[in-house]
Amino acid sequence: MTSGQRLRQIANVLNATTLLGLLLAKCARTAVRTGPRGLLIATGYRWRLPFAQAFAVGNVVLFRAAPAEALSNPVLLGHEERHCSQYAWCLGLPFLPLYFIAAGWSQLRTGNPGSANVFERLAGLEAGGYVDRRQVDPGPRRKGRRPAGKNASEGIEA
């Protein structure tokens, strides 16, 4: 483990989110094992919510998949690892309401909870299985319309 990964591990133990993740894993009757980079991997998650194929709580990454399948997806694991770091940066439990506010904002703006969610964007949208649905609309373009900021005398040829 790098010093940053060790620091994240310690921060998430001290802020109680890893304990919360382990409690959730136990209640959901998942199998927990040590994983790479200081992560704990919980597999066989069967509860209905959240809908994601994997999610993180502290340094615990909960997968719906079996252990072999979970560890064979380094892209998704990397995405969830970045969420583990976000827990540490947000000092633990404040991450949860901040994440849900960002997801709600994204849902309102794009029709899905990930596209405009700052936490998902920083973790890597595609790595987490999200499609970027933000609409990039530079505004209406009509023939003969003056660009914004031009005064009436500019842009007119004699």
N, C-alpha and C. Protein backbone atom coordinates (compact mmCIF):
# COMPACT_ATOMS: atom_id res chain seq x y z
N MET A 1 0.83 -1.18 0.00
CA MET A 1 0.00 0.00 0.00
C MET A 1 0.88 1.24 0.00
N THR A 2 0.40 2.25 -0.70
CA THR A 2 1.11 3.53 -0.67
C THR A 2 0.76 4.27 0.62
N SER A 3 1.49 5.30 0.93
CA SER A 3 1.19 6.08 2.13
C SER A 3 -0.18 6.74 2.02
N GLY A 4 -0.58 7.16 0.83
CA GLY A 4 -1.91 7.74 0.63
C GLY A 4 -3.02 6.74 0.87
N GLN A 5 -2.83 5.51 0.41
CA GLN A 5 -3.83 4.46 0.63
C GLN A 5 -3.92 4.10 2.11
N ARG A 6 -2.78 4.09 2.78
CA ARG A 6 -2.77 3.81 4.23
C ARG A 6 -3.46 4.93 4.98
N LEU A 7 -3.21 6.17 4.59
CA LEU A 7 -3.85 7.32 5.22
C LEU A 7 -5.37 7.27 5.02
N ARG A 8 -5.81 6.90 3.82
CA ARG A 8 -7.25 6.76 3.54
C ARG A 8 -7.85 5.67 4.43
N GLN A 9 -7.15 4.57 4.55
CA GLN A 9 -7.62 3.45 5.38
C GLN A 9 -7.79 3.90 6.84
N ILE A 10 -6.80 4.60 7.36
CA ILE A 10 -6.86 5.08 8.75
C ILE A 10 -7.97 6.11 8.91
N ALA A 11 -8.07 7.05 7.97
CA ALA A 11 -9.11 8.09 8.04
C ALA A 11 -10.50 7.48 8.06
N ASN A 12 -10.73 6.47 7.22
CA ASN A 12 -12.06 5.86 7.16
C ASN A 12 -12.36 4.96 8.35
N VAL A 13 -11.34 4.48 9.04
CA VAL A 13 -11.57 3.78 10.31
C VAL A 13 -11.93 4.81 11.38
N LEU A 14 -11.16 5.90 11.43
CA LEU A 14 -11.40 6.93 12.45
C LEU A 14 -12.73 7.65 12.26
N ASN A 15 -13.15 7.85 11.00
CA ASN A 15 -14.42 8.56 10.79
C ASN A 15 -15.63 7.61 10.83
N ALA A 16 -15.39 6.35 11.12
CA ALA A 16 -16.42 5.32 11.36
C ALA A 16 -17.13 4.81 10.11
N THR A 17 -16.74 5.26 8.92
CA THR A 17 -17.46 4.78 7.73
C THR A 17 -17.07 3.36 7.36
N THR A 18 -15.84 2.95 7.64
CA THR A 18 -15.47 1.55 7.37
C THR A 18 -16.26 0.63 8.31
N LEU A 19 -16.41 1.04 9.55
CA LEU A 19 -17.22 0.26 10.49
C LEU A 19 -18.67 0.18 10.00
N LEU A 20 -19.21 1.29 9.50
CA LEU A 20 -20.56 1.30 8.94
C LEU A 20 -20.65 0.35 7.74
N GLY A 21 -19.63 0.37 6.88
CA GLY A 21 -19.60 -0.54 5.73
C GLY A 21 -19.56 -2.00 6.15
N LEU A 22 -18.78 -2.31 7.18
CA LEU A 22 -18.72 -3.68 7.68
C LEU A 22 -20.04 -4.11 8.31
N LEU A 23 -20.69 -3.20 9.01
CA LEU A 23 -22.00 -3.49 9.60
C LEU A 23 -23.03 -3.76 8.50
N LEU A 24 -23.01 -2.94 7.47
CA LEU A 24 -23.91 -3.15 6.33
C LEU A 24 -23.62 -4.49 5.66
N ALA A 25 -22.36 -4.80 5.46
CA ALA A 25 -21.97 -6.08 4.84
C ALA A 25 -22.46 -7.26 5.67
N LYS A 26 -22.33 -7.15 6.99
CA LYS A 26 -22.79 -8.23 7.88
C LYS A 26 -24.31 -8.38 7.82
N CYS A 27 -25.03 -7.25 7.89
CA CYS A 27 -26.50 -7.30 7.82
C CYS A 27 -26.99 -7.87 6.50
N ALA A 28 -26.27 -7.58 5.42
CA ALA A 28 -26.64 -8.07 4.09
C ALA A 28 -26.11 -9.48 3.82
N ARG A 29 -25.43 -10.04 4.82
CA ARG A 29 -24.90 -11.40 4.74
C ARG A 29 -23.95 -11.62 3.55
N THR A 30 -23.06 -10.67 3.37
CA THR A 30 -22.07 -10.80 2.31
C THR A 30 -20.81 -11.45 2.88
N ALA A 31 -19.99 -11.97 2.00
CA ALA A 31 -18.69 -12.51 2.39
C ALA A 31 -17.68 -11.37 2.28
N VAL A 32 -16.92 -11.13 3.33
CA VAL A 32 -15.94 -10.03 3.35
C VAL A 32 -14.54 -10.61 3.37
N ARG A 33 -13.68 -10.05 2.52
CA ARG A 33 -12.28 -10.45 2.50
C ARG A 33 -11.42 -9.23 2.26
N THR A 34 -10.16 -9.34 2.57
CA THR A 34 -9.26 -8.22 2.31
C THR A 34 -9.02 -8.14 0.80
N GLY A 35 -8.89 -6.92 0.33
CA GLY A 35 -8.66 -6.70 -1.09
C GLY A 35 -7.39 -5.90 -1.29
N PRO A 36 -7.18 -5.47 -2.50
CA PRO A 36 -5.98 -4.70 -2.80
C PRO A 36 -6.06 -3.29 -2.21
N ARG A 37 -4.93 -2.67 -2.00
CA ARG A 37 -4.80 -1.26 -1.65
C ARG A 37 -5.56 -0.84 -0.39
N GLY A 38 -5.66 -1.76 0.57
CA GLY A 38 -6.30 -1.44 1.83
C GLY A 38 -7.81 -1.51 1.81
N LEU A 39 -8.39 -2.03 0.75
CA LEU A 39 -9.84 -2.14 0.64
C LEU A 39 -10.32 -3.44 1.25
N LEU A 40 -11.57 -3.44 1.67
CA LEU A 40 -12.24 -4.66 2.09
C LEU A 40 -13.31 -4.95 1.05
N ILE A 41 -13.35 -6.15 0.54
CA ILE A 41 -14.26 -6.52 -0.54
C ILE A 41 -15.38 -7.40 0.02
N ALA A 42 -16.60 -6.92 -0.12
CA ALA A 42 -17.78 -7.67 0.32
C ALA A 42 -18.52 -8.12 -0.94
N THR A 43 -18.74 -9.41 -1.07
CA THR A 43 -19.36 -9.94 -2.29
C THR A 43 -20.67 -10.65 -1.98
N GLY A 44 -21.50 -10.74 -3.00
CA GLY A 44 -22.78 -11.42 -2.85
C GLY A 44 -23.86 -10.53 -2.26
N TYR A 45 -23.74 -9.22 -2.43
CA TYR A 45 -24.74 -8.27 -1.93
C TYR A 45 -26.03 -8.47 -2.71
N ARG A 46 -27.15 -8.69 -2.01
CA ARG A 46 -28.41 -9.01 -2.69
C ARG A 46 -29.55 -8.04 -2.41
N TRP A 47 -29.35 -7.07 -1.53
CA TRP A 47 -30.44 -6.15 -1.25
C TRP A 47 -30.78 -5.34 -2.49
N ARG A 48 -32.00 -4.90 -2.56
CA ARG A 48 -32.50 -4.21 -3.75
C ARG A 48 -31.80 -2.86 -3.98
N LEU A 49 -31.58 -2.11 -2.91
CA LEU A 49 -30.96 -0.79 -3.04
C LEU A 49 -29.55 -0.82 -2.48
N PRO A 50 -28.66 -0.08 -3.03
CA PRO A 50 -28.78 0.71 -4.25
C PRO A 50 -28.75 -0.19 -5.49
N PHE A 51 -29.11 0.38 -6.62
CA PHE A 51 -29.22 -0.40 -7.85
C PHE A 51 -27.87 -0.72 -8.48
N ALA A 52 -26.83 -0.08 -8.04
CA ALA A 52 -25.50 -0.23 -8.64
C ALA A 52 -24.96 -1.65 -8.51
N GLN A 53 -24.06 -2.01 -9.43
CA GLN A 53 -23.42 -3.33 -9.35
C GLN A 53 -22.37 -3.36 -8.24
N ALA A 54 -21.93 -2.19 -7.78
CA ALA A 54 -21.00 -2.09 -6.66
C ALA A 54 -21.14 -0.70 -6.05
N PHE A 55 -20.82 -0.59 -4.77
CA PHE A 55 -20.79 0.72 -4.11
C PHE A 55 -19.87 0.63 -2.90
N ALA A 56 -19.43 1.78 -2.44
CA ALA A 56 -18.48 1.82 -1.34
C ALA A 56 -19.08 2.49 -0.12
N VAL A 57 -18.69 2.00 1.05
CA VAL A 57 -19.01 2.66 2.32
C VAL A 57 -17.71 2.61 3.12
N GLY A 58 -17.09 3.76 3.31
CA GLY A 58 -15.76 3.78 3.92
C GLY A 58 -14.79 3.06 3.01
N ASN A 59 -14.01 2.14 3.56
CA ASN A 59 -13.08 1.36 2.75
C ASN A 59 -13.64 0.00 2.38
N VAL A 60 -14.94 -0.18 2.53
CA VAL A 60 -15.61 -1.43 2.18
C VAL A 60 -16.29 -1.25 0.83
N VAL A 61 -15.96 -2.11 -0.11
CA VAL A 61 -16.60 -2.08 -1.43
C VAL A 61 -17.52 -3.29 -1.51
N LEU A 62 -18.81 -3.02 -1.66
CA LEU A 62 -19.82 -4.08 -1.72
C LEU A 62 -20.18 -4.36 -3.17
N PHE A 63 -20.06 -5.61 -3.57
CA PHE A 63 -20.34 -6.05 -4.93
C PHE A 63 -21.53 -7.00 -4.93
N ARG A 64 -22.32 -6.92 -5.97
CA ARG A 64 -23.37 -7.91 -6.17
C ARG A 64 -22.74 -9.23 -6.67
N ALA A 65 -21.63 -9.14 -7.32
CA ALA A 65 -20.96 -10.28 -7.95
C ALA A 65 -20.29 -11.20 -6.93
N ALA A 66 -19.89 -12.35 -7.42
CA ALA A 66 -19.10 -13.31 -6.63
C ALA A 66 -17.66 -12.79 -6.53
N PRO A 67 -16.86 -13.31 -5.59
CA PRO A 67 -15.49 -12.80 -5.39
C PRO A 67 -14.62 -12.78 -6.65
N ALA A 68 -14.61 -13.87 -7.39
CA ALA A 68 -13.75 -13.92 -8.58
C ALA A 68 -14.14 -12.85 -9.60
N GLU A 69 -15.44 -12.68 -9.80
CA GLU A 69 -15.92 -11.69 -10.76
C GLU A 69 -15.64 -10.27 -10.27
N ALA A 70 -15.83 -10.03 -8.99
CA ALA A 70 -15.60 -8.70 -8.42
C ALA A 70 -14.15 -8.28 -8.59
N LEU A 71 -13.23 -9.16 -8.28
CA LEU A 71 -11.81 -8.83 -8.37
C LEU A 71 -11.29 -8.84 -9.79
N SER A 72 -12.05 -9.38 -10.73
CA SER A 72 -11.60 -9.40 -12.12
C SER A 72 -12.01 -8.15 -12.88
N ASN A 73 -12.62 -7.18 -12.19
CA ASN A 73 -13.03 -5.93 -12.83
C ASN A 73 -12.26 -4.77 -12.21
N PRO A 74 -10.99 -4.59 -12.61
CA PRO A 74 -10.16 -3.55 -11.99
C PRO A 74 -10.66 -2.13 -12.28
N VAL A 75 -11.36 -1.94 -13.37
CA VAL A 75 -11.88 -0.61 -13.71
C VAL A 75 -12.95 -0.20 -12.71
N LEU A 76 -13.91 -1.08 -12.46
CA LEU A 76 -14.97 -0.79 -11.49
C LEU A 76 -14.39 -0.69 -10.08
N LEU A 77 -13.45 -1.55 -9.73
CA LEU A 77 -12.83 -1.50 -8.42
C LEU A 77 -12.10 -0.16 -8.23
N GLY A 78 -11.43 0.31 -9.27
CA GLY A 78 -10.76 1.61 -9.21
C GLY A 78 -11.75 2.75 -9.00
N HIS A 79 -12.89 2.67 -9.66
CA HIS A 79 -13.94 3.67 -9.50
C HIS A 79 -14.41 3.70 -8.05
N GLU A 80 -14.69 2.53 -7.49
CA GLU A 80 -15.16 2.45 -6.11
C GLU A 80 -14.06 2.87 -5.13
N GLU A 81 -12.82 2.59 -5.46
CA GLU A 81 -11.70 3.02 -4.61
C GLU A 81 -11.66 4.55 -4.54
N ARG A 82 -11.94 5.22 -5.64
CA ARG A 82 -11.97 6.69 -5.63
C ARG A 82 -13.10 7.19 -4.71
N HIS A 83 -14.24 6.46 -4.67
CA HIS A 83 -15.30 6.82 -3.72
C HIS A 83 -14.81 6.63 -2.28
N CYS A 84 -14.02 5.60 -2.02
CA CYS A 84 -13.46 5.40 -0.68
C CYS A 84 -12.62 6.61 -0.28
N SER A 85 -11.86 7.14 -1.21
CA SER A 85 -11.06 8.34 -0.94
C SER A 85 -11.97 9.54 -0.70
N GLN A 86 -13.10 9.62 -1.41
CA GLN A 86 -14.04 10.71 -1.21
C GLN A 86 -14.62 10.68 0.21
N TYR A 87 -14.87 9.50 0.74
CA TYR A 87 -15.32 9.39 2.14
C TYR A 87 -14.28 10.03 3.05
N ALA A 88 -13.02 9.71 2.84
CA ALA A 88 -11.95 10.25 3.68
C ALA A 88 -11.88 11.77 3.55
N TRP A 89 -11.93 12.29 2.32
CA TRP A 89 -11.85 13.74 2.10
C TRP A 89 -13.04 14.48 2.70
N CYS A 90 -14.19 13.84 2.74
CA CYS A 90 -15.41 14.47 3.29
C CYS A 90 -15.54 14.21 4.79
N LEU A 91 -14.52 13.63 5.41
CA LEU A 91 -14.50 13.34 6.84
C LEU A 91 -15.56 12.33 7.25
N GLY A 92 -15.87 11.41 6.34
CA GLY A 92 -16.75 10.30 6.68
C GLY A 92 -18.20 10.50 6.31
N LEU A 93 -19.05 10.47 7.32
CA LEU A 93 -20.49 10.48 7.10
C LEU A 93 -21.03 11.68 6.33
N PRO A 94 -20.42 12.87 6.40
CA PRO A 94 -20.92 13.96 5.55
C PRO A 94 -20.92 13.63 4.06
N PHE A 95 -20.10 12.65 3.66
CA PHE A 95 -20.10 12.24 2.25
C PHE A 95 -21.50 11.80 1.80
N LEU A 96 -22.22 11.08 2.66
CA LEU A 96 -23.51 10.52 2.26
C LEU A 96 -24.53 11.59 1.87
N PRO A 97 -24.84 12.59 2.72
CA PRO A 97 -25.79 13.61 2.25
C PRO A 97 -25.26 14.42 1.08
N LEU A 98 -23.96 14.69 1.07
CA LEU A 98 -23.39 15.43 -0.06
C LEU A 98 -23.56 14.64 -1.37
N TYR A 99 -23.31 13.33 -1.29
CA TYR A 99 -23.47 12.49 -2.47
C TYR A 99 -24.93 12.49 -2.95
N PHE A 100 -25.88 12.34 -2.01
CA PHE A 100 -27.29 12.29 -2.40
C PHE A 100 -27.79 13.62 -2.94
N ILE A 101 -27.28 14.72 -2.43
CA ILE A 101 -27.62 16.03 -2.99
C ILE A 101 -27.08 16.13 -4.42
N ALA A 102 -25.84 15.70 -4.62
CA ALA A 102 -25.24 15.73 -5.96
C ALA A 102 -25.99 14.81 -6.92
N ALA A 103 -26.44 13.66 -6.44
CA ALA A 103 -27.20 12.72 -7.28
C ALA A 103 -28.55 13.32 -7.64
N GLY A 104 -29.22 13.97 -6.68
CA GLY A 104 -30.50 14.62 -6.97
C GLY A 104 -30.35 15.74 -7.97
N TRP A 105 -29.31 16.54 -7.80
CA TRP A 105 -29.02 17.62 -8.75
C TRP A 105 -28.79 17.05 -10.15
N SER A 106 -28.04 15.98 -10.23
CA SER A 106 -27.77 15.34 -11.51
C SER A 106 -29.07 14.80 -12.13
N GLN A 107 -29.91 14.19 -11.29
CA GLN A 107 -31.19 13.65 -11.78
C GLN A 107 -32.04 14.77 -12.38
N LEU A 108 -32.10 15.91 -11.69
CA LEU A 108 -32.88 17.05 -12.19
C LEU A 108 -32.33 17.60 -13.50
N ARG A 109 -31.01 17.69 -13.59
CA ARG A 109 -30.38 18.30 -14.75
C ARG A 109 -30.28 17.38 -15.96
N THR A 110 -30.04 16.08 -15.72
CA THR A 110 -29.72 15.19 -16.84
C THR A 110 -30.65 13.99 -16.98
N GLY A 111 -31.49 13.75 -15.97
CA GLY A 111 -32.37 12.59 -16.02
C GLY A 111 -31.75 11.33 -15.46
N ASN A 112 -30.51 11.41 -14.97
CA ASN A 112 -29.92 10.26 -14.27
C ASN A 112 -29.03 10.77 -13.13
N PRO A 113 -28.82 9.94 -12.12
CA PRO A 113 -28.11 10.40 -10.93
C PRO A 113 -26.59 10.52 -11.07
N GLY A 114 -26.03 10.11 -12.19
CA GLY A 114 -24.57 10.12 -12.31
C GLY A 114 -23.97 11.19 -13.19
N SER A 115 -24.62 11.54 -14.27
CA SER A 115 -24.00 12.39 -15.30
C SER A 115 -23.48 13.72 -14.79
N ALA A 116 -24.23 14.41 -13.96
CA ALA A 116 -23.78 15.71 -13.44
C ALA A 116 -23.43 15.64 -11.96
N ASN A 117 -23.26 14.44 -11.43
CA ASN A 117 -22.90 14.25 -10.03
C ASN A 117 -21.39 14.41 -9.90
N VAL A 118 -20.96 15.41 -9.16
CA VAL A 118 -19.54 15.71 -9.06
C VAL A 118 -18.75 14.52 -8.52
N PHE A 119 -19.32 13.76 -7.61
CA PHE A 119 -18.61 12.62 -7.04
C PHE A 119 -18.42 11.51 -8.07
N GLU A 120 -19.44 11.26 -8.88
CA GLU A 120 -19.32 10.24 -9.93
C GLU A 120 -18.38 10.71 -11.03
N ARG A 121 -18.42 11.97 -11.36
CA ARG A 121 -17.53 12.48 -12.40
C ARG A 121 -16.07 12.37 -11.95
N LEU A 122 -15.80 12.71 -10.68
CA LEU A 122 -14.43 12.61 -10.17
C LEU A 122 -13.97 11.16 -10.04
N ALA A 123 -14.90 10.25 -9.83
CA ALA A 123 -14.55 8.83 -9.72
C ALA A 123 -14.43 8.18 -11.10
N GLY A 124 -14.93 8.84 -12.14
CA GLY A 124 -14.88 8.30 -13.50
C GLY A 124 -16.23 7.71 -13.88
N LEU A 125 -17.00 8.46 -14.65
CA LEU A 125 -18.36 8.02 -15.02
C LEU A 125 -18.38 6.65 -15.68
N GLU A 126 -17.62 6.53 -16.76
CA GLU A 126 -17.64 5.28 -17.53
C GLU A 126 -17.14 4.11 -16.71
N ALA A 127 -16.14 4.34 -15.86
CA ALA A 127 -15.61 3.28 -15.01
C ALA A 127 -16.67 2.75 -14.05
N GLY A 128 -17.59 3.63 -13.65
CA GLY A 128 -18.65 3.22 -12.75
C GLY A 128 -19.88 2.69 -13.47
N GLY A 129 -19.82 2.62 -14.78
CA GLY A 129 -20.95 2.10 -15.56
C GLY A 129 -21.97 3.16 -15.94
N TYR A 130 -21.62 4.43 -15.77
CA TYR A 130 -22.53 5.52 -16.12
C TYR A 130 -22.30 5.99 -17.54
N VAL A 131 -23.35 6.51 -18.14
CA VAL A 131 -23.26 7.14 -19.45
C VAL A 131 -23.39 8.65 -19.21
N ASP A 132 -22.53 9.43 -19.84
CA ASP A 132 -22.58 10.88 -19.68
C ASP A 132 -23.75 11.42 -20.48
N ARG A 133 -24.79 11.83 -19.80
CA ARG A 133 -26.00 12.32 -20.47
C ARG A 133 -26.15 13.82 -20.36
N ARG A 134 -25.09 14.50 -19.99
CA ARG A 134 -25.18 15.96 -19.96
C ARG A 134 -25.36 16.46 -21.38
N GLN A 135 -26.24 17.41 -21.55
CA GLN A 135 -26.47 17.97 -22.87
C GLN A 135 -25.57 19.18 -23.04
N VAL A 136 -24.75 19.13 -24.04
CA VAL A 136 -23.90 20.27 -24.34
C VAL A 136 -24.61 21.05 -25.43
N ASP A 137 -25.22 22.15 -25.01
CA ASP A 137 -25.99 22.98 -25.94
C ASP A 137 -25.41 24.37 -25.93
N PRO A 138 -24.68 24.75 -26.99
CA PRO A 138 -24.08 26.08 -27.01
C PRO A 138 -25.11 27.19 -27.21
N GLY A 139 -26.36 26.84 -27.33
CA GLY A 139 -27.40 27.84 -27.55
C GLY A 139 -27.90 27.78 -28.97
N PRO A 140 -29.01 28.43 -29.22
CA PRO A 140 -29.58 28.38 -30.57
C PRO A 140 -28.69 29.09 -31.59
N ARG A 141 -28.55 28.50 -32.72
CA ARG A 141 -27.78 29.10 -33.82
C ARG A 141 -28.72 29.26 -35.00
N ARG A 142 -29.00 30.49 -35.31
CA ARG A 142 -29.85 30.76 -36.47
C ARG A 142 -29.08 31.57 -37.47
N LYS A 143 -29.35 31.31 -38.71
CA LYS A 143 -28.69 32.03 -39.78
C LYS A 143 -29.03 33.50 -39.68
N GLY A 144 -28.00 34.33 -39.77
CA GLY A 144 -28.21 35.76 -39.74
C GLY A 144 -28.21 36.35 -38.34
N ARG A 145 -28.09 35.51 -37.34
CA ARG A 145 -28.09 36.01 -35.96
C ARG A 145 -26.69 36.51 -35.60
N ARG A 146 -26.62 37.67 -34.98
CA ARG A 146 -25.34 38.23 -34.55
C ARG A 146 -24.84 37.47 -33.33
N PRO A 147 -23.54 37.23 -33.24
CA PRO A 147 -22.99 36.62 -32.05
C PRO A 147 -23.20 37.53 -30.84
N ALA A 148 -23.34 36.93 -29.66
CA ALA A 148 -23.54 37.70 -28.44
C ALA A 148 -22.36 38.62 -28.21
N GLY A 149 -22.64 39.82 -27.71
CA GLY A 149 -21.57 40.76 -27.39
C GLY A 149 -21.22 41.69 -28.54
N LYS A 150 -21.72 41.48 -29.70
CA LYS A 150 -21.43 42.36 -30.83
C LYS A 150 -22.43 43.50 -30.83
N ASN A 151 -21.96 44.70 -31.10
CA ASN A 151 -22.93 45.79 -31.20
C ASN A 151 -23.46 45.87 -32.63
N ALA A 152 -24.38 46.72 -32.82
CA ALA A 152 -25.07 46.77 -34.12
C ALA A 152 -24.17 47.12 -35.28
N SER A 153 -23.10 47.86 -35.02
CA SER A 153 -22.26 48.28 -36.14
C SER A 153 -21.21 47.24 -36.49
N GLU A 154 -20.95 46.30 -35.59
CA GLU A 154 -19.94 45.28 -35.89
C GLU A 154 -20.57 44.15 -36.69
N GLY A 155 -19.78 43.51 -37.45
CA GLY A 155 -20.21 42.32 -38.17
C GLY A 155 -21.10 42.61 -39.37
N ILE A 156 -21.32 43.85 -39.70
CA ILE A 156 -22.15 44.19 -40.87
C ILE A 156 -21.23 44.69 -41.96
N GLU A 157 -21.31 44.05 -43.06
CA GLU A 157 -20.47 44.45 -44.19
C GLU A 157 -21.23 45.41 -45.07
N ALA A 158 -20.49 46.39 -45.61
CA ALA A 158 -21.12 47.39 -46.47
C ALA A 158 -21.07 46.98 -47.90
